[in-house]
Amino acid sequence: MSGGQIAALIFAIILLLPGGCFLLFGIGFATDRQYYDAAFLLLPIAAAILALAGFLFWIAFRRRKGPGETQGGGTQS
């Protein structure tokens, strides 16, 4: 695992907290008549933060091809 992958993993874990909070508050505000309009702002922000976290997790756990490896993971003869 490279340094960039470790950094991506750390940032992805950190982004789960604000993304989850925006999601929970957005769902909570969507059920309340007084703050219904706030949900239209909080839910897209939550989706963006969680999508970024998902992208960073993908970067952190992808396998990098080494020299001589093919697409299927085998080695070239």
Protein backbone atom coordinates (compact mmCIF):
# COMPACT_ATOMS: atom_id res chain seq x y z
CA MET A 1 0.00 0.00 0.00
CA SER A 2 1.49 3.33 -1.05
CA GLY A 3 1.48 6.56 0.90
CA GLY A 4 -1.19 8.02 -1.33
CA GLN A 5 -3.47 5.06 -0.69
CA ILE A 6 -3.00 5.40 3.06
CA ALA A 7 -3.80 9.12 2.88
CA ALA A 8 -6.92 8.38 0.80
CA LEU A 9 -8.05 5.82 3.37
CA ILE A 10 -7.58 8.26 6.26
CA PHE A 11 -9.46 11.06 4.50
CA ALA A 12 -12.27 8.67 3.49
CA ILE A 13 -12.73 7.57 7.10
CA ILE A 14 -12.71 11.20 8.27
CA LEU A 15 -15.33 12.18 5.65
CA LEU A 16 -17.75 9.50 6.84
CA LEU A 17 -18.59 11.52 9.97
CA PRO A 18 -19.72 14.79 8.32
CA GLY A 19 -21.38 12.92 5.47
CA GLY A 20 -23.33 10.75 7.88
CA CYS A 21 -24.33 13.75 9.98
CA PHE A 22 -25.56 15.68 6.95
CA LEU A 23 -27.52 12.60 5.87
CA LEU A 24 -29.14 12.03 9.28
CA PHE A 25 -30.03 15.69 9.77
CA GLY A 26 -31.32 15.93 6.20
CA ILE A 27 -33.61 12.95 6.69
CA GLY A 28 -34.71 14.33 10.06
CA PHE A 29 -35.47 17.76 8.64
CA ALA A 30 -37.34 16.24 5.70
CA THR A 31 -39.91 14.80 8.11
CA ASP A 32 -40.41 18.10 9.96
CA ARG A 33 -42.69 20.69 8.35
CA GLN A 34 -40.91 23.67 9.88
CA TYR A 35 -37.45 22.75 8.50
CA TYR A 36 -38.53 20.93 5.35
CA ASP A 37 -36.64 23.36 3.07
CA ALA A 38 -33.35 22.68 4.85
CA ALA A 39 -33.50 19.04 3.75
CA PHE A 40 -33.18 20.13 0.11
CA LEU A 41 -29.82 21.65 0.99
CA LEU A 42 -28.51 19.01 3.40
CA LEU A 43 -29.25 15.87 1.37
CA PRO A 44 -27.27 16.85 -1.77
CA ILE A 45 -24.36 17.94 0.42
CA ALA A 46 -24.48 14.55 2.16
CA ALA A 47 -24.56 12.77 -1.19
CA ALA A 48 -21.53 14.73 -2.42
CA ILE A 49 -19.49 14.12 0.74
CA LEU A 50 -20.32 10.40 0.84
CA ALA A 51 -19.59 10.04 -2.88
CA LEU A 52 -16.18 11.62 -2.31
CA ALA A 53 -15.57 9.24 0.60
CA GLY A 54 -16.55 6.29 -1.60
CA PHE A 55 -14.15 7.47 -4.31
CA LEU A 56 -11.35 7.76 -1.76
CA PHE A 57 -12.08 4.24 -0.48
CA TRP A 58 -11.87 3.00 -4.07
CA ILE A 59 -8.50 4.69 -4.48
CA ALA A 60 -7.27 3.25 -1.17
CA PHE A 61 -8.20 -0.36 -1.93
CA ARG A 62 -7.53 -0.66 -5.65
CA ARG A 63 -4.74 -2.97 -6.69
CA ARG A 64 -2.00 -1.35 -8.66
CA LYS A 65 -0.59 -3.31 -11.55
CA GLY A 66 3.03 -4.14 -11.11
CA PRO A 67 5.49 -4.58 -13.97
CA GLY A 68 4.60 -7.59 -16.08
CA GLU A 69 1.07 -8.09 -14.74
CA THR A 70 -1.85 -8.44 -17.13
CA GLN A 71 -5.43 -7.26 -16.68
CA GLY A 72 -6.56 -10.55 -15.10
CA GLY A 73 -3.85 -10.47 -12.45
CA GLY A 74 -1.55 -13.07 -14.00
CA THR A 75 1.95 -12.55 -15.20
CA GLN A 76 3.14 -12.33 -18.74
CA SER A 77 5.35 -15.11 -20.11
